[in-house]
C-alpha cells in the first residue's frame, strides 16, 4: 500500500520562497492564481507544494510578457492544456507506430 503525503506551505513560508511582498501574494490569491488549501485568513493559509512553481510562472508571464494578473489563471490553464495535449499526441504517435509495425508483419 502506498501512502501519499501532501506537503503544505504556510503563507509566510511562501513569501520567503518566492520573495514577494504580502500585498503581491494577496493579489495572486484575489486573482485566483493561488488557492489556499487550508485556512480562511492569510495567517492560517496553507498552500500545496506546487504553489512555488505557479508563482514563478505567473511572475514570468506578468513581467516578461506583460500578461495582466487577472488573465494569468486563463494563460496557466491553457499552458497546462497544451502540455496534456502534447503528452496525448506523443502517446498516440507511439501507438500508431506500433500499429503500423504490426500491419507490416
C-alpha atoms as a PDB file:
ATOM      1  CA  UNK A   1       0.000   0.000   0.000  1.00  0.00           C
ATOM      2  CA  UNK A   2       1.332   3.405  -0.988  1.00  0.00           C
ATOM      3  CA  UNK A   3       0.834   6.430   1.202  1.00  0.00           C
ATOM      4  CA  UNK A   4       0.837   9.838  -0.436  1.00  0.00           C
ATOM      5  CA  UNK A   5       1.985  12.692   1.748  1.00  0.00           C
ATOM      6  CA  UNK A   6       0.931  16.185   0.781  1.00  0.00           C
ATOM      7  CA  UNK A   7       3.280  18.994   1.641  1.00  0.00           C
ATOM      8  CA  UNK A   8       1.695  22.286   2.606  1.00  0.00           C
ATOM      9  CA  UNK A   9       3.474  25.627   2.676  1.00  0.00           C
ATOM     10  CA  UNK A  10       2.323  28.358   5.039  1.00  0.00           C
ATOM     11  CA  UNK A  11       1.699  31.875   3.721  1.00  0.00           C
ATOM     12  CA  UNK A  12       4.777  33.320   5.469  1.00  0.00           C
ATOM     13  CA  UNK A  13       6.968  30.484   4.152  1.00  0.00           C
ATOM     14  CA  UNK A  14       5.674  31.052   0.640  1.00  0.00           C
ATOM     15  CA  UNK A  15       6.556  34.745   0.880  1.00  0.00           C
ATOM     16  CA  UNK A  16      10.133  33.788   1.750  1.00  0.00           C
ATOM     17  CA  UNK A  17      10.372  31.167  -1.008  1.00  0.00           C
ATOM     18  CA  UNK A  18       9.224  33.458  -3.796  1.00  0.00           C
ATOM     19  CA  UNK A  19      10.490  36.805  -2.453  1.00  0.00           C
ATOM     20  CA  UNK A  20       7.184  38.608  -2.919  1.00  0.00           C
ATOM     21  CA  UNK A  21       5.528  41.050  -0.579  1.00  0.00           C
ATOM     22  CA  UNK A  22       2.426  40.158   1.374  1.00  0.00           C
ATOM     23  CA  UNK A  23       0.394  42.510  -0.828  1.00  0.00           C
ATOM     24  CA  UNK A  24       1.625  40.822  -4.015  1.00  0.00           C
ATOM     25  CA  UNK A  25       0.723  37.361  -2.721  1.00  0.00           C
ATOM     26  CA  UNK A  26      -2.677  38.594  -1.571  1.00  0.00           C
ATOM     27  CA  UNK A  27      -3.238  39.866  -5.121  1.00  0.00           C
ATOM     28  CA  UNK A  28      -2.326  36.440  -6.540  1.00  0.00           C
ATOM     29  CA  UNK A  29      -4.921  34.841  -4.265  1.00  0.00           C
ATOM     30  CA  UNK A  30      -7.516  37.516  -5.096  1.00  0.00           C
ATOM     31  CA  UNK A  31      -6.976  36.939  -8.836  1.00  0.00           C
ATOM     32  CA  UNK A  32      -7.375  33.172  -8.432  1.00  0.00           C
ATOM     33  CA  UNK A  33      -3.779  32.393  -9.376  1.00  0.00           C
ATOM     34  CA  UNK A  34      -3.194  30.759  -5.990  1.00  0.00           C
ATOM     35  CA  UNK A  35      -5.768  28.960  -3.897  1.00  0.00           C
ATOM     36  CA  UNK A  36      -5.147  28.230  -0.220  1.00  0.00           C
ATOM     37  CA  UNK A  37      -5.797  24.579   0.637  1.00  0.00           C
ATOM     38  CA  UNK A  38      -6.227  25.290   4.353  1.00  0.00           C
ATOM     39  CA  UNK A  39      -7.364  28.327   6.336  1.00  0.00           C
ATOM     40  CA  UNK A  40      -9.644  31.305   5.895  1.00  0.00           C
ATOM     41  CA  UNK A  41      -7.285  34.120   6.887  1.00  0.00           C
ATOM     42  CA  UNK A  42      -3.813  34.787   5.432  1.00  0.00           C
ATOM     43  CA  UNK A  43      -2.077  33.839   8.676  1.00  0.00           C
ATOM     44  CA  UNK A  44      -3.890  30.459   8.576  1.00  0.00           C
ATOM     45  CA  UNK A  45      -3.426  29.805   4.860  1.00  0.00           C
ATOM     46  CA  UNK A  46      -1.513  26.776   3.657  1.00  0.00           C
ATOM     47  CA  UNK A  47      -0.814  26.059   0.000  1.00  0.00           C
ATOM     48  CA  UNK A  48       0.124  22.832  -1.747  1.00  0.00           C
ATOM     49  CA  UNK A  49       3.698  22.278  -2.877  1.00  0.00           C
ATOM     50  CA  UNK A  50       3.010  23.281  -6.499  1.00  0.00           C
ATOM     51  CA  UNK A  51       2.337  26.878  -5.499  1.00  0.00           C
ATOM     52  CA  UNK A  52       6.011  27.902  -5.702  1.00  0.00           C
ATOM     53  CA  UNK A  53       6.294  26.925  -9.372  1.00  0.00           C
ATOM     54  CA  UNK A  54       2.909  28.526 -10.094  1.00  0.00           C
ATOM     55  CA  UNK A  55       4.083  31.812  -8.575  1.00  0.00           C
ATOM     56  CA  UNK A  56       7.301  31.712 -10.611  1.00  0.00           C
ATOM     57  CA  UNK A  57       5.365  31.056 -13.844  1.00  0.00           C
ATOM     58  CA  UNK A  58       2.894  33.818 -13.011  1.00  0.00           C
ATOM     59  CA  UNK A  59       5.704  36.285 -12.318  1.00  0.00           C
ATOM     60  CA  UNK A  60       7.404  35.464 -15.618  1.00  0.00           C
ATOM     61  CA  UNK A  61       4.155  35.837 -17.552  1.00  0.00           C
ATOM     62  CA  UNK A  62       3.429  39.151 -15.862  1.00  0.00           C
ATOM     63  CA  UNK A  63       6.902  40.685 -16.134  1.00  0.00           C
ATOM     64  CA  UNK A  64       8.305  39.217 -19.355  1.00  0.00           C
ATOM     65  CA  UNK A  65       5.134  39.025 -21.452  1.00  0.00           C
ATOM     66  CA  UNK A  66       3.176  41.781 -19.660  1.00  0.00           C
ATOM     67  CA  UNK A  67       0.205  39.495 -19.066  1.00  0.00           C
ATOM     68  CA  UNK A  68      -2.246  41.143 -16.673  1.00  0.00           C
ATOM     69  CA  UNK A  69      -2.609  39.412 -13.289  1.00  0.00           C
ATOM     70  CA  UNK A  70      -6.324  38.851 -13.951  1.00  0.00           C
ATOM     71  CA  UNK A  71      -5.502  36.947 -17.166  1.00  0.00           C
ATOM     72  CA  UNK A  72      -2.835  34.684 -15.691  1.00  0.00           C
ATOM     73  CA  UNK A  73      -5.194  31.900 -14.472  1.00  0.00           C
ATOM     74  CA  UNK A  74      -6.504  31.565 -18.037  1.00  0.00           C
ATOM     75  CA  UNK A  75      -2.980  31.524 -19.501  1.00  0.00           C
ATOM     76  CA  UNK A  76      -1.774  28.960 -16.944  1.00  0.00           C
ATOM     77  CA  UNK A  77      -4.792  26.777 -17.699  1.00  0.00           C
ATOM     78  CA  UNK A  78      -4.112  26.972 -21.428  1.00  0.00           C
ATOM     79  CA  UNK A  79      -0.427  26.138 -20.923  1.00  0.00           C
ATOM     80  CA  UNK A  80      -1.404  23.101 -18.856  1.00  0.00           C
ATOM     81  CA  UNK A  81      -3.845  22.010 -21.549  1.00  0.00           C
ATOM     82  CA  UNK A  82      -1.121  22.328 -24.204  1.00  0.00           C
ATOM     83  CA  UNK A  83       1.166  20.102 -22.101  1.00  0.00           C
ATOM     84  CA  UNK A  84      -1.586  17.494 -21.746  1.00  0.00           C
ATOM     85  CA  UNK A  85      -2.292  17.574 -25.477  1.00  0.00           C
ATOM     86  CA  UNK A  86       1.412  17.161 -26.265  1.00  0.00           C
ATOM     87  CA  UNK A  87       1.606  14.140 -23.968  1.00  0.00           C
ATOM     88  CA  UNK A  88      -1.531  12.634 -25.513  1.00  0.00           C
ATOM     89  CA  UNK A  89      -0.197  13.282 -29.013  1.00  0.00           C
ATOM     90  CA  UNK A  90       3.091  11.536 -28.162  1.00  0.00           C
ATOM     91  CA  UNK A  91       1.205   8.561 -26.733  1.00  0.00           C
ATOM     92  CA  UNK A  92      -0.963   8.305 -29.849  1.00  0.00           C
ATOM     93  CA  UNK A  93       2.093   8.551 -32.109  1.00  0.00           C
ATOM     94  CA  UNK A  94       3.673   5.633 -30.254  1.00  0.00           C
ATOM     95  CA  UNK A  95       0.502   3.557 -30.575  1.00  0.00           C
ATOM     96  CA  UNK A  96       0.205   4.376 -34.272  1.00  0.00           C
ATOM     97  CA  UNK A  97       3.832   3.439 -34.825  1.00  0.00           C
ATOM     98  CA  UNK A  98       3.281   0.059 -33.135  1.00  0.00           C
ATOM     99  CA  UNK A  99       0.087  -0.477 -35.120  1.00  0.00           C
ATOM    100  CA  UNK A 100       1.850   0.263 -38.405  1.00  0.00           C
ATOM    101  CA  UNK A 101       4.701  -2.086 -37.478  1.00  0.00           C
ATOM    102  CA  UNK A 102       2.198  -4.858 -36.703  1.00  0.00           C
ATOM    103  CA  UNK A 103       0.478  -4.255 -40.044  1.00  0.00           C
ATOM    104  CA  UNK A 104       3.765  -4.723 -41.903  1.00  0.00           C
ATOM    105  CA  UNK A 105       4.363  -8.121 -40.309  1.00  0.00           C
END
